[in-house]
Amino acid sequence: MQNKEEIIRKINLTLDQIRPYLQADGGDVLLKEVTDDLTVKVSLTGACHGCPFSMQTLRAGVEQALRHSVPEIKEVVSV
């Protein structure tokens, strides 16, 4: 398994790739924490925060992209 710093680097690179799509709708995503069991905690901000489709964005957009780039992660949760 890769070290945690390398995993966090890959997560940030992936978030940077999907961020323009969220920003185009007035939102954004911030990495808050990667736990020792590789749960990724993110925060949807701007227009994404509180949007009725935010869970769909989290699951179908953010989580799918992260799992593709960083298959080691356990899950992605919104905090």
N, C-alpha and C. Protein backbone atom coordinates (compact mmCIF):
# COMPACT_ATOMS: atom_id res chain seq x y z
N MET A 1 0.85 -1.20 0.00
CA MET A 1 0.00 0.00 0.00
C MET A 1 0.88 1.25 0.00
N GLN A 2 0.42 2.26 -0.68
CA GLN A 2 1.14 3.52 -0.73
C GLN A 2 1.06 4.22 0.62
N ASN A 3 2.01 5.10 0.87
CA ASN A 3 1.93 5.83 2.13
C ASN A 3 0.82 6.88 2.05
N LYS A 4 0.41 7.31 3.21
CA LYS A 4 -0.75 8.21 3.30
C LYS A 4 -0.50 9.54 2.59
N GLU A 5 0.73 10.04 2.65
CA GLU A 5 1.03 11.30 1.98
C GLU A 5 0.84 11.19 0.46
N GLU A 6 1.25 10.07 -0.12
CA GLU A 6 1.08 9.86 -1.55
C GLU A 6 -0.40 9.75 -1.91
N ILE A 7 -1.17 9.09 -1.06
CA ILE A 7 -2.61 8.97 -1.29
C ILE A 7 -3.27 10.34 -1.23
N ILE A 8 -2.89 11.16 -0.25
CA ILE A 8 -3.45 12.52 -0.13
C ILE A 8 -3.07 13.35 -1.36
N ARG A 9 -1.85 13.19 -1.86
CA ARG A 9 -1.43 13.91 -3.06
C ARG A 9 -2.31 13.52 -4.25
N LYS A 10 -2.58 12.22 -4.41
CA LYS A 10 -3.43 11.76 -5.51
C LYS A 10 -4.86 12.28 -5.35
N ILE A 11 -5.36 12.30 -4.13
CA ILE A 11 -6.70 12.81 -3.86
C ILE A 11 -6.78 14.28 -4.27
N ASN A 12 -5.80 15.07 -3.85
CA ASN A 12 -5.80 16.50 -4.20
C ASN A 12 -5.70 16.72 -5.70
N LEU A 13 -4.90 15.93 -6.39
CA LEU A 13 -4.81 16.05 -7.85
C LEU A 13 -6.16 15.75 -8.50
N THR A 14 -6.84 14.72 -8.01
CA THR A 14 -8.15 14.36 -8.55
C THR A 14 -9.17 15.45 -8.27
N LEU A 15 -9.18 15.98 -7.06
CA LEU A 15 -10.12 17.05 -6.73
C LEU A 15 -9.85 18.28 -7.60
N ASP A 16 -8.57 18.55 -7.90
CA ASP A 16 -8.24 19.68 -8.77
C ASP A 16 -8.79 19.47 -10.18
N GLN A 17 -8.89 18.22 -10.61
CA GLN A 17 -9.41 17.92 -11.94
C GLN A 17 -10.92 18.10 -12.03
N ILE A 18 -11.64 17.77 -10.95
CA ILE A 18 -13.11 17.88 -10.99
C ILE A 18 -13.61 19.23 -10.48
N ARG A 19 -12.75 19.95 -9.80
CA ARG A 19 -13.15 21.24 -9.22
C ARG A 19 -13.74 22.21 -10.25
N PRO A 20 -13.18 22.35 -11.47
CA PRO A 20 -13.77 23.30 -12.43
C PRO A 20 -15.24 23.01 -12.77
N TYR A 21 -15.62 21.74 -12.76
CA TYR A 21 -17.02 21.40 -13.05
C TYR A 21 -17.94 21.88 -11.93
N LEU A 22 -17.48 21.74 -10.70
CA LEU A 22 -18.26 22.23 -9.55
C LEU A 22 -18.29 23.75 -9.54
N GLN A 23 -17.15 24.37 -9.82
CA GLN A 23 -17.08 25.83 -9.81
C GLN A 23 -17.92 26.45 -10.92
N ALA A 24 -18.11 25.74 -12.01
CA ALA A 24 -18.95 26.25 -13.10
C ALA A 24 -20.39 26.44 -12.65
N ASP A 25 -20.79 25.67 -11.62
CA ASP A 25 -22.14 25.80 -11.06
C ASP A 25 -22.14 26.58 -9.75
N GLY A 26 -21.04 27.24 -9.44
CA GLY A 26 -20.97 28.07 -8.24
C GLY A 26 -20.60 27.32 -6.98
N GLY A 27 -20.10 26.10 -7.11
CA GLY A 27 -19.73 25.31 -5.94
C GLY A 27 -18.25 24.98 -5.91
N ASP A 28 -17.89 24.15 -4.95
CA ASP A 28 -16.51 23.70 -4.82
C ASP A 28 -16.48 22.52 -3.87
N VAL A 29 -15.33 21.88 -3.79
CA VAL A 29 -15.14 20.77 -2.87
C VAL A 29 -13.80 20.98 -2.17
N LEU A 30 -13.79 20.76 -0.86
CA LEU A 30 -12.58 20.91 -0.06
C LEU A 30 -12.27 19.60 0.64
N LEU A 31 -11.02 19.20 0.60
CA LEU A 31 -10.58 18.03 1.35
C LEU A 31 -10.40 18.43 2.79
N LYS A 32 -11.11 17.76 3.68
CA LYS A 32 -11.03 18.06 5.11
C LYS A 32 -10.10 17.12 5.85
N GLU A 33 -10.17 15.81 5.51
CA GLU A 33 -9.37 14.84 6.25
C GLU A 33 -9.33 13.53 5.49
N VAL A 34 -8.23 12.81 5.66
CA VAL A 34 -8.14 11.42 5.23
C VAL A 34 -7.79 10.65 6.49
N THR A 35 -8.71 9.80 6.93
CA THR A 35 -8.51 9.07 8.17
C THR A 35 -7.51 7.93 7.96
N ASP A 36 -7.07 7.33 9.07
CA ASP A 36 -6.12 6.23 9.00
C ASP A 36 -6.67 5.02 8.25
N ASP A 37 -8.01 4.85 8.26
CA ASP A 37 -8.61 3.73 7.52
C ASP A 37 -8.96 4.13 6.08
N LEU A 38 -8.45 5.31 5.65
CA LEU A 38 -8.60 5.83 4.29
C LEU A 38 -10.04 6.19 3.92
N THR A 39 -10.76 6.72 4.90
CA THR A 39 -12.03 7.38 4.63
C THR A 39 -11.70 8.83 4.29
N VAL A 40 -12.22 9.29 3.16
CA VAL A 40 -11.96 10.66 2.70
C VAL A 40 -13.12 11.53 3.12
N LYS A 41 -12.82 12.58 3.88
CA LYS A 41 -13.84 13.52 4.33
C LYS A 41 -13.70 14.80 3.54
N VAL A 42 -14.78 15.18 2.86
CA VAL A 42 -14.78 16.39 2.05
C VAL A 42 -15.94 17.28 2.46
N SER A 43 -15.85 18.51 2.06
CA SER A 43 -16.92 19.47 2.30
C SER A 43 -17.29 20.10 0.96
N LEU A 44 -18.57 20.03 0.62
CA LEU A 44 -19.07 20.72 -0.56
C LEU A 44 -19.42 22.14 -0.14
N THR A 45 -18.96 23.12 -0.89
CA THR A 45 -19.15 24.51 -0.51
C THR A 45 -19.85 25.29 -1.62
N GLY A 46 -20.12 26.54 -1.34
CA GLY A 46 -20.78 27.40 -2.32
C GLY A 46 -22.17 26.90 -2.65
N ALA A 47 -22.51 26.92 -3.93
CA ALA A 47 -23.84 26.49 -4.36
C ALA A 47 -24.07 25.01 -4.10
N CYS A 48 -23.00 24.23 -3.98
CA CYS A 48 -23.15 22.79 -3.72
C CYS A 48 -23.60 22.51 -2.28
N HIS A 49 -23.24 23.40 -1.36
CA HIS A 49 -23.62 23.21 0.04
C HIS A 49 -25.12 23.41 0.19
N GLY A 50 -25.80 22.36 0.61
CA GLY A 50 -27.23 22.44 0.81
C GLY A 50 -28.07 22.24 -0.44
N CYS A 51 -27.43 22.04 -1.58
CA CYS A 51 -28.17 21.80 -2.82
C CYS A 51 -28.89 20.46 -2.74
N PRO A 52 -30.10 20.36 -3.26
CA PRO A 52 -30.81 19.08 -3.23
C PRO A 52 -30.07 17.95 -3.95
N PHE A 53 -29.17 18.30 -4.85
CA PHE A 53 -28.44 17.28 -5.61
C PHE A 53 -27.04 17.05 -5.05
N SER A 54 -26.73 17.60 -3.87
CA SER A 54 -25.37 17.51 -3.35
C SER A 54 -24.93 16.07 -3.08
N MET A 55 -25.83 15.21 -2.61
CA MET A 55 -25.45 13.82 -2.39
C MET A 55 -25.18 13.11 -3.71
N GLN A 56 -25.95 13.44 -4.73
CA GLN A 56 -25.72 12.86 -6.05
C GLN A 56 -24.37 13.34 -6.59
N THR A 57 -24.07 14.61 -6.40
CA THR A 57 -22.78 15.16 -6.82
C THR A 57 -21.65 14.46 -6.08
N LEU A 58 -21.84 14.25 -4.78
CA LEU A 58 -20.82 13.59 -3.97
C LEU A 58 -20.59 12.16 -4.44
N ARG A 59 -21.65 11.40 -4.63
CA ARG A 59 -21.53 9.98 -4.99
C ARG A 59 -21.14 9.78 -6.45
N ALA A 60 -21.87 10.41 -7.36
CA ALA A 60 -21.66 10.15 -8.78
C ALA A 60 -20.49 10.95 -9.35
N GLY A 61 -20.14 12.03 -8.71
CA GLY A 61 -19.05 12.86 -9.22
C GLY A 61 -17.77 12.70 -8.44
N VAL A 62 -17.78 13.20 -7.23
CA VAL A 62 -16.57 13.24 -6.41
C VAL A 62 -16.09 11.83 -6.05
N GLU A 63 -16.98 11.02 -5.48
CA GLU A 63 -16.55 9.69 -5.05
C GLU A 63 -16.13 8.82 -6.24
N GLN A 64 -16.86 8.86 -7.32
CA GLN A 64 -16.52 8.05 -8.49
C GLN A 64 -15.14 8.43 -9.02
N ALA A 65 -14.87 9.71 -9.12
CA ALA A 65 -13.56 10.17 -9.62
C ALA A 65 -12.44 9.75 -8.67
N LEU A 66 -12.68 9.89 -7.37
CA LEU A 66 -11.65 9.51 -6.40
C LEU A 66 -11.40 8.01 -6.40
N ARG A 67 -12.44 7.21 -6.46
CA ARG A 67 -12.27 5.75 -6.47
C ARG A 67 -11.53 5.29 -7.73
N HIS A 68 -11.75 5.98 -8.84
CA HIS A 68 -11.05 5.64 -10.08
C HIS A 68 -9.55 5.94 -9.95
N SER A 69 -9.22 7.10 -9.39
CA SER A 69 -7.83 7.53 -9.29
C SER A 69 -7.10 6.94 -8.09
N VAL A 70 -7.84 6.70 -7.02
CA VAL A 70 -7.22 6.23 -5.78
C VAL A 70 -8.06 5.06 -5.24
N PRO A 71 -7.92 3.87 -5.84
CA PRO A 71 -8.77 2.74 -5.45
C PRO A 71 -8.57 2.27 -4.00
N GLU A 72 -7.52 2.73 -3.36
CA GLU A 72 -7.26 2.33 -1.96
C GLU A 72 -8.25 2.92 -0.96
N ILE A 73 -8.91 4.02 -1.33
CA ILE A 73 -9.77 4.67 -0.35
C ILE A 73 -10.97 3.78 0.00
N LYS A 74 -11.40 3.92 1.25
CA LYS A 74 -12.51 3.11 1.75
C LYS A 74 -13.85 3.71 1.35
N GLU A 75 -14.03 5.00 1.62
CA GLU A 75 -15.27 5.68 1.29
C GLU A 75 -15.05 7.19 1.27
N VAL A 76 -16.02 7.88 0.72
CA VAL A 76 -16.01 9.34 0.69
C VAL A 76 -17.24 9.83 1.42
N VAL A 77 -17.04 10.70 2.40
CA VAL A 77 -18.17 11.22 3.17
C VAL A 77 -18.11 12.75 3.19
N SER A 78 -19.28 13.34 3.27
CA SER A 78 -19.39 14.78 3.37
C SER A 78 -19.45 15.18 4.85
N VAL A 79 -18.68 16.20 5.19
CA VAL A 79 -18.68 16.68 6.58
C VAL A 79 -19.04 18.15 6.63
